[in-house]
Amino acid sequence: MVRAHEVLKDCTESDEDCGMPHTIGLDIGSSAVRAVELSVTGRGPSRLLRTGQVELPPGAMRDGEVVDGDVVTEALRTLWERYKFSHRKVTLGLANQQVVVRQVDLPHLPLPELRQSLEFQAQDHIPFPVEQAILDLHVLDEYESDSGVPMSRILLVAAQRTMVDSLVACVRAAKLTPVKIDLDAFAMVRSLVRHEPRVAGEGEMLLDIGADVTKIVVHDCGVPKFVRVLLMGGSAVTASLSKGLGISHEEAERTKATAGMAGDGAPPAGEAERLIADRTDELVREIRGSLDYYAAQPEAVGVHGVVLSGGGARLPDLQTRLSSELDIPVERGHPMQEIKIGKVEYDYAQLVDAEPQLAVAVGLAVDAR
């Protein structure tokens, strides 16, 4: 297993003057807004220049969608003022149940024509009117049907337009410029999949567990095969602790972070751990259900491992419980495994602590070229 201190590589060169493009990935989550700025080169690893996070109060975002745009906008302004990112052009990620990802087989066309035809072919595959959707695609494979007709197998992506507009409005109100919008799922593949040979047909599941949203991606050698969003995450544990122990949201967050290490005056560790275990088991069952659903598909590849990221990856015993339930190895992900660390204002301990929550932002920045 790769260790965090082994993948955070030091870099002593000056990043500010190297002349390479600086890209920024922006992750607007349910509990915080996060950004990562990289110096991106065509050869060799990118370099981390800046990263930062500003927490959001409960209710500003819900299930990956904007509820209070003014609060989200103010958090974005604070993020830029506090961490001094070098410019305001960002790649923005999406992950909620207003984004639909479906595997679809269509008659082969050149890619530009395939994109143009999407609005005429997508309606049967998405749950909302095509005129209310923003459509895109990711080509998985090209093949011939049994009758010899050239076909394209694609991941069809459809995002509800009003949801995207509300996110973009917050970004623009903070005087930022969204130059690209991408799926969190695709960003996870870029940041969490190791650049080393894998055996085709031996799939891997990537799990990013946030406050309200858990993103699931199954990939085969870096090619996404299955994407699902669960409206469950670490905040359900916080709510259970708050109600079960009769404590505030803030106290519940602290209890969740220190379960098993409670000191004098803290809530009883045993009861806290029981409440955490109950909610964690519920999340594990939902993840297992998603894997079972995927495995039943005709073109499914076998899943031989799981990579965890997100703030919820820190839940006590989650890694062990997942491995036992799924009967496959589970390990922590390292989104900075292919990145050198520039002259940043953080020590390694801070970066190791923050790394699980940076998978989406890193992946968005890596592809913002």
Protein backbone atom coordinates (compact mmCIF):
# COMPACT_ATOMS: atom_id res chain seq x y z
CA MET A 1 0.00 0.00 0.00
CA VAL A 2 1.25 3.48 -0.88
CA ARG A 3 1.76 5.73 2.15
CA ALA A 4 0.94 9.42 2.15
CA HIS A 5 4.47 10.49 3.10
CA GLU A 6 5.83 8.48 0.17
CA VAL A 7 3.68 10.16 -2.46
CA LEU A 8 4.03 13.79 -1.34
CA LYS A 9 7.15 14.56 -3.33
CA ASP A 10 9.31 17.57 -2.53
CA CYS A 11 10.20 20.14 -5.16
CA THR A 12 12.73 22.88 -4.55
CA GLU A 13 12.52 24.69 -7.90
CA SER A 14 10.67 27.97 -8.13
CA ASP A 15 7.16 27.31 -9.41
CA GLU A 16 6.13 30.91 -9.70
CA ASP A 17 8.67 31.71 -12.40
CA CYS A 18 8.70 28.45 -14.35
CA GLY A 19 6.40 29.77 -17.09
CA MET A 20 4.11 26.75 -16.99
CA PRO A 21 0.31 27.16 -17.07
CA HIS A 22 -1.32 27.48 -13.69
CA THR A 23 -4.66 25.65 -13.46
CA ILE A 24 -7.25 25.75 -10.68
CA GLY A 25 -9.77 23.05 -9.81
CA LEU A 26 -12.76 24.19 -7.74
CA ASP A 27 -14.75 21.70 -5.68
CA ILE A 28 -17.98 23.10 -4.21
CA GLY A 29 -18.98 20.48 -1.68
CA SER A 30 -21.78 20.25 0.85
CA SER A 31 -19.61 21.24 3.82
CA ALA A 32 -16.84 23.34 2.23
CA VAL A 33 -15.48 24.97 -0.90
CA ARG A 34 -11.98 23.80 -1.89
CA ALA A 35 -9.55 24.78 -4.60
CA VAL A 36 -6.22 23.45 -5.83
CA GLU A 37 -3.79 25.37 -8.05
CA LEU A 38 -1.25 23.38 -10.07
CA SER A 39 1.59 24.22 -12.38
CA VAL A 40 0.85 21.88 -15.29
CA THR A 41 3.51 20.65 -17.67
CA GLY A 42 3.14 18.45 -20.70
CA ARG A 43 5.96 16.23 -19.45
CA GLY A 44 6.57 15.05 -15.92
CA PRO A 45 4.43 15.61 -12.85
CA SER A 46 2.39 18.72 -12.13
CA ARG A 47 3.33 20.81 -9.10
CA LEU A 48 1.11 21.89 -6.26
CA LEU A 49 1.26 25.66 -5.82
CA ARG A 50 -1.69 26.44 -3.57
CA THR A 51 -4.62 24.75 -1.95
CA GLY A 52 -7.24 26.01 0.45
CA GLN A 53 -10.61 25.34 2.00
CA VAL A 54 -13.39 27.45 3.51
CA GLU A 55 -16.16 25.70 5.42
CA LEU A 56 -19.82 26.21 4.58
CA PRO A 57 -22.51 26.41 7.26
CA PRO A 58 -25.04 23.57 7.31
CA GLY A 59 -27.80 24.14 4.76
CA ALA A 60 -25.92 26.36 2.29
CA MET A 61 -25.58 23.34 -0.01
CA ARG A 62 -27.80 20.28 0.09
CA ASP A 63 -27.06 17.03 -1.73
CA GLY A 64 -24.58 18.80 -3.99
CA GLU A 65 -26.99 21.57 -5.01
CA VAL A 66 -27.05 25.25 -4.09
CA VAL A 67 -29.59 26.27 -1.44
CA ASP A 68 -28.20 29.64 -0.30
CA GLY A 69 -26.28 31.18 -3.18
CA ASP A 70 -25.21 34.26 -1.23
CA VAL A 71 -23.50 32.14 1.43
CA VAL A 72 -21.73 30.00 -1.18
CA THR A 73 -20.59 33.09 -3.06
CA GLU A 74 -19.20 34.68 0.10
CA ALA A 75 -17.29 31.50 0.91
CA LEU A 76 -15.73 31.56 -2.56
CA ARG A 77 -14.69 35.19 -2.12
CA THR A 78 -13.11 34.32 1.22
CA LEU A 79 -11.32 31.34 -0.35
CA TRP A 80 -9.62 33.57 -2.92
CA GLU A 81 -8.84 36.36 -0.48
CA ARG A 82 -7.39 34.03 2.13
CA TYR A 83 -5.26 31.75 -0.06
CA LYS A 84 -4.17 34.19 -2.79
CA PHE A 85 -4.71 32.05 -5.86
CA SER A 86 -2.85 33.54 -8.80
CA HIS A 87 -5.86 33.96 -11.13
CA ARG A 88 -9.64 33.51 -11.25
CA LYS A 89 -10.19 31.00 -14.05
CA VAL A 90 -11.48 27.71 -12.64
CA THR A 91 -12.64 24.26 -13.66
CA LEU A 92 -15.83 23.46 -11.75
CA GLY A 93 -16.98 19.98 -10.72
CA LEU A 94 -20.49 18.51 -10.56
CA ALA A 95 -21.85 15.63 -8.48
CA ASN A 96 -25.49 15.31 -7.48
CA GLN A 97 -28.63 13.48 -8.52
CA GLN A 98 -29.41 16.12 -11.13
CA VAL A 99 -26.52 14.63 -13.13
CA VAL A 100 -27.25 11.39 -14.96
CA VAL A 101 -24.56 9.11 -16.40
CA ARG A 102 -25.69 6.22 -18.62
CA GLN A 103 -23.83 3.73 -20.80
CA VAL A 104 -25.43 3.89 -24.25
CA ASP A 105 -24.71 2.17 -27.59
CA LEU A 106 -25.24 4.36 -30.66
CA PRO A 107 -24.52 3.99 -34.39
CA HIS A 108 -20.97 5.16 -35.03
CA LEU A 109 -20.44 8.76 -36.16
CA PRO A 110 -17.37 11.00 -36.14
CA LEU A 111 -17.13 12.60 -32.70
CA PRO A 112 -18.30 16.12 -33.75
CA GLU A 113 -21.37 14.64 -35.44
CA LEU A 114 -22.00 12.33 -32.49
CA ARG A 115 -22.05 15.33 -30.15
CA GLN A 116 -24.44 17.19 -32.44
CA SER A 117 -26.81 14.22 -32.54
CA LEU A 118 -26.99 13.77 -28.77
CA GLU A 119 -30.07 15.91 -28.21
CA PHE A 120 -32.00 13.72 -30.67
CA GLN A 121 -30.84 10.44 -29.13
CA ALA A 122 -30.62 11.18 -25.40
CA GLN A 123 -34.27 11.57 -24.38
CA ASP A 124 -34.93 7.86 -23.98
CA HIS A 125 -32.01 7.59 -21.56
CA ILE A 126 -32.51 10.52 -19.16
CA PRO A 127 -35.28 11.27 -16.62
CA PHE A 128 -35.89 14.93 -17.52
CA PRO A 129 -36.70 16.74 -20.79
CA VAL A 130 -33.70 16.99 -23.09
CA GLU A 131 -34.31 20.71 -23.59
CA GLN A 132 -33.68 21.17 -19.85
CA ALA A 133 -30.38 19.31 -19.99
CA ILE A 134 -26.75 20.04 -20.73
CA LEU A 135 -25.41 17.02 -22.61
CA ASP A 136 -21.95 15.56 -23.11
CA LEU A 137 -20.40 12.18 -23.79
CA HIS A 138 -17.32 10.08 -23.13
CA VAL A 139 -16.50 7.43 -25.76
CA LEU A 140 -15.77 4.05 -24.17
CA ASP A 141 -15.40 1.77 -27.15
CA GLU A 142 -16.04 1.35 -30.88
CA TYR A 143 -17.14 -2.00 -32.27
CA GLU A 144 -19.28 -3.73 -34.88
CA SER A 145 -22.71 -5.14 -34.06
CA ASP A 146 -23.63 -8.75 -34.89
CA SER A 147 -25.00 -7.48 -38.19
CA GLY A 148 -21.78 -5.63 -39.02
CA VAL A 149 -23.00 -2.09 -38.21
CA PRO A 150 -20.26 0.19 -36.75
CA MET A 151 -21.26 1.24 -33.23
CA SER A 152 -19.98 3.54 -30.48
CA ARG A 153 -20.38 2.69 -26.80
CA ILE A 154 -20.48 5.94 -24.82
CA LEU A 155 -21.07 7.29 -21.34
CA LEU A 156 -23.88 9.75 -21.85
CA VAL A 157 -23.75 12.64 -19.36
CA ALA A 158 -26.81 14.83 -18.80
CA ALA A 159 -26.92 17.63 -16.23
CA GLN A 160 -30.09 19.50 -15.29
CA ARG A 161 -29.55 23.00 -16.66
CA THR A 162 -31.02 25.01 -13.77
CA MET A 163 -28.78 23.18 -11.28
CA VAL A 164 -25.69 23.98 -13.34
CA ASP A 165 -26.81 27.59 -13.76
CA SER A 166 -27.15 28.05 -9.99
CA LEU A 167 -23.61 26.79 -9.36
CA VAL A 168 -22.18 28.90 -12.17
CA ALA A 169 -24.03 31.96 -10.84
CA CYS A 170 -22.31 31.61 -7.45
CA VAL A 171 -18.91 31.27 -9.10
CA ARG A 172 -19.42 34.32 -11.29
CA ALA A 173 -20.84 36.37 -8.41
CA ALA A 174 -17.54 35.72 -6.61
CA LYS A 175 -15.74 37.27 -9.63
CA LEU A 176 -14.43 33.87 -10.76
CA THR A 177 -14.59 32.61 -14.35
CA PRO A 178 -15.65 29.01 -14.95
CA VAL A 179 -13.72 27.94 -18.05
CA LYS A 180 -14.80 24.30 -17.89
CA ILE A 181 -17.35 22.15 -16.10
CA ASP A 182 -16.61 18.48 -15.49
CA LEU A 183 -17.94 15.56 -13.50
CA ASP A 184 -16.41 14.91 -10.10
CA ALA A 185 -16.34 11.26 -11.14
CA PHE A 186 -13.99 11.89 -14.06
CA ALA A 187 -11.81 14.10 -11.86
CA MET A 188 -11.53 11.23 -9.34
CA VAL A 189 -10.24 8.91 -12.06
CA ARG A 190 -7.54 11.41 -13.01
CA SER A 191 -6.36 11.95 -9.44
CA LEU A 192 -6.80 8.54 -7.82
CA VAL A 193 -5.89 6.00 -10.51
CA ARG A 194 -2.22 5.08 -10.33
CA HIS A 195 -0.15 5.47 -13.47
CA GLU A 196 1.08 1.93 -13.50
CA PRO A 197 0.17 -1.11 -15.64
CA ARG A 198 -3.10 -2.82 -14.79
CA VAL A 199 -4.66 -5.96 -16.21
CA ALA A 200 -7.58 -5.16 -18.49
CA GLY A 201 -10.84 -6.49 -17.11
CA GLU A 202 -9.74 -6.12 -13.48
CA GLY A 203 -11.81 -3.13 -12.44
CA GLU A 204 -11.39 -0.85 -9.45
CA MET A 205 -13.96 1.12 -7.50
CA LEU A 206 -13.22 4.70 -6.47
CA LEU A 207 -15.23 6.08 -3.53
CA ASP A 208 -15.22 9.73 -2.53
CA ILE A 209 -17.30 10.15 0.62
CA GLY A 210 -18.30 13.73 1.31
CA ALA A 211 -20.64 15.32 3.81
CA ASP A 212 -23.92 14.70 1.95
CA VAL A 213 -22.80 13.00 -1.25
CA THR A 214 -20.83 9.83 -1.94
CA LYS A 215 -19.43 9.47 -5.46
CA ILE A 216 -18.87 5.97 -6.86
CA VAL A 217 -16.85 5.23 -10.00
CA VAL A 218 -15.87 1.85 -11.39
CA HIS A 219 -13.06 2.04 -13.93
CA ASP A 220 -11.11 -0.41 -16.04
CA CYS A 221 -7.53 0.76 -16.68
CA GLY A 222 -8.61 4.39 -16.19
CA VAL A 223 -11.74 4.15 -18.38
CA PRO A 224 -14.92 4.91 -16.38
CA LYS A 225 -17.46 2.11 -16.69
CA PHE A 226 -20.02 3.02 -14.03
CA VAL A 227 -20.86 6.21 -12.15
CA ARG A 228 -23.33 6.62 -9.31
CA VAL A 229 -24.08 9.30 -6.72
CA LEU A 230 -25.45 8.36 -3.29
CA LEU A 231 -27.09 11.02 -1.14
CA MET A 232 -25.30 9.78 1.98
CA GLY A 233 -22.10 10.81 3.69
CA GLY A 234 -20.43 11.98 6.86
CA SER A 235 -23.12 14.49 7.80
CA ALA A 236 -25.54 11.63 8.48
CA VAL A 237 -23.13 10.43 11.15
CA THR A 238 -22.92 13.94 12.60
CA ALA A 239 -26.71 14.23 12.72
CA SER A 240 -26.99 10.83 14.42
CA LEU A 241 -24.43 11.82 17.06
CA SER A 242 -26.10 15.18 17.65
CA LYS A 243 -29.53 13.61 18.17
CA GLY A 244 -28.39 10.49 20.00
CA LEU A 245 -26.06 12.28 22.44
CA GLY A 246 -28.05 15.52 22.75
CA ILE A 247 -25.11 17.69 21.63
CA SER A 248 -24.68 20.52 19.13
CA HIS A 249 -23.65 20.06 15.50
CA GLU A 250 -20.18 21.41 16.29
CA GLU A 251 -19.76 19.04 19.25
CA ALA A 252 -20.95 16.14 17.11
CA GLU A 253 -18.34 16.96 14.46
CA ARG A 254 -15.61 16.96 17.10
CA THR A 255 -16.91 13.69 18.56
CA LYS A 256 -16.93 12.07 15.12
CA ALA A 257 -13.31 13.13 14.58
CA THR A 258 -12.13 11.84 17.97
CA ALA A 259 -14.26 8.73 18.45
CA GLY A 260 -12.31 6.23 20.50
CA MET A 261 -10.06 8.97 21.87
CA ALA A 262 -12.53 10.78 24.14
CA GLY A 263 -11.11 12.46 27.21
CA ASP A 264 -12.63 13.81 30.40
CA GLY A 265 -15.85 15.68 29.83
CA ALA A 266 -16.44 14.25 26.34
CA PRO A 267 -19.55 12.24 25.47
CA PRO A 268 -19.28 8.52 26.29
CA ALA A 269 -17.00 6.95 23.70
CA GLY A 270 -18.90 3.66 23.62
CA GLU A 271 -22.24 5.26 22.73
CA ALA A 272 -20.61 7.52 20.15
CA GLU A 273 -18.89 4.59 18.52
CA ARG A 274 -22.16 2.63 18.41
CA LEU A 275 -23.96 5.50 16.68
CA ILE A 276 -21.09 5.94 14.21
CA ALA A 277 -21.03 2.19 13.49
CA ASP A 278 -24.79 2.10 12.79
CA ARG A 279 -24.58 4.90 10.23
CA THR A 280 -21.36 3.56 8.73
CA ASP A 281 -22.94 0.15 8.24
CA GLU A 282 -25.87 1.81 6.46
CA LEU A 283 -23.47 3.56 4.08
CA VAL A 284 -21.53 0.33 3.49
CA ARG A 285 -24.77 -1.47 2.58
CA GLU A 286 -25.67 1.22 0.06
CA ILE A 287 -22.21 0.97 -1.51
CA ARG A 288 -22.56 -2.81 -1.66
CA GLY A 289 -25.94 -2.41 -3.35
CA SER A 290 -24.41 -0.16 -6.00
CA LEU A 291 -21.63 -2.65 -6.65
CA ASP A 292 -24.15 -5.50 -6.93
CA TYR A 293 -26.22 -3.45 -9.39
CA TYR A 294 -23.16 -2.78 -11.53
CA ALA A 295 -21.99 -6.40 -11.40
CA ALA A 296 -25.36 -7.52 -12.81
CA GLN A 297 -24.85 -5.47 -16.00
CA PRO A 298 -23.92 -7.50 -19.11
CA GLU A 299 -20.69 -5.57 -19.79
CA ALA A 300 -19.54 -5.33 -16.16
CA VAL A 301 -15.89 -6.00 -15.32
CA GLY A 302 -14.88 -7.64 -12.08
CA VAL A 303 -13.99 -5.21 -9.29
CA HIS A 304 -10.79 -6.24 -7.53
CA GLY A 305 -10.12 -3.29 -5.23
CA VAL A 306 -11.52 -0.10 -3.70
CA VAL A 307 -9.81 3.28 -3.29
CA LEU A 308 -11.22 5.65 -0.63
CA SER A 309 -11.12 9.44 -0.57
CA GLY A 310 -13.16 12.32 0.85
CA GLY A 311 -13.58 13.56 4.39
CA GLY A 312 -15.85 10.62 5.16
CA ALA A 313 -12.99 8.22 4.44
CA ARG A 314 -11.83 9.02 7.99
CA LEU A 315 -14.90 7.41 9.59
CA PRO A 316 -13.73 4.89 12.20
CA ASP A 317 -13.44 1.32 10.88
CA LEU A 318 -14.94 2.27 7.48
CA GLN A 319 -12.03 0.76 5.58
CA THR A 320 -12.25 -2.51 7.52
CA ARG A 321 -16.04 -2.72 7.27
CA LEU A 322 -15.99 -2.09 3.52
CA SER A 323 -13.32 -4.69 2.89
CA SER A 324 -15.25 -7.27 4.91
CA GLU A 325 -18.60 -6.53 3.25
CA LEU A 326 -17.25 -6.39 -0.32
CA ASP A 327 -14.63 -9.12 0.20
CA ILE A 328 -12.00 -7.15 -1.71
CA PRO A 329 -9.04 -5.00 -0.59
CA VAL A 330 -9.78 -1.39 0.37
CA GLU A 331 -7.08 1.28 0.62
CA ARG A 332 -6.86 5.03 1.11
CA GLY A 333 -6.43 7.06 -2.06
CA HIS A 334 -3.61 9.52 -2.68
CA PRO A 335 -4.67 12.22 -5.14
CA MET A 336 -1.24 13.85 -4.89
CA GLN A 337 0.60 10.64 -5.74
CA GLU A 338 1.67 11.99 -9.15
CA ILE A 339 2.22 15.58 -8.01
CA LYS A 340 5.32 17.32 -6.74
CA ILE A 341 4.93 19.77 -3.89
CA GLY A 342 6.12 23.27 -4.71
CA LYS A 343 7.04 26.03 -2.28
CA VAL A 344 3.71 26.01 -0.49
CA GLU A 345 2.88 27.46 2.91
CA TYR A 346 2.02 24.09 4.45
CA ASP A 347 4.09 21.41 6.08
CA TYR A 348 3.79 17.75 5.15
CA ALA A 349 1.62 16.94 8.16
CA GLN A 350 -0.96 19.50 7.03
CA LEU A 351 -0.92 18.17 3.47
CA VAL A 352 -1.26 14.56 4.58
CA ASP A 353 -4.24 15.58 6.73
CA ALA A 354 -5.89 17.51 3.88
CA GLU A 355 -5.13 15.04 1.06
CA PRO A 356 -8.23 12.78 1.36
CA GLN A 357 -10.49 15.78 0.73
CA LEU A 358 -8.59 17.01 -2.35
CA ALA A 359 -9.26 14.19 -4.83
CA VAL A 360 -11.89 16.08 -6.81
CA ALA A 361 -10.14 19.48 -6.82
CA VAL A 362 -6.82 17.91 -7.86
CA GLY A 363 -8.45 15.96 -10.68
CA LEU A 364 -10.24 19.07 -11.93
CA ALA A 365 -7.00 21.05 -11.94
CA VAL A 366 -5.05 18.28 -13.70
CA ASP A 367 -7.43 18.36 -16.65
CA ALA A 368 -7.84 22.16 -16.80
CA ARG A 369 -5.48 22.58 -19.74
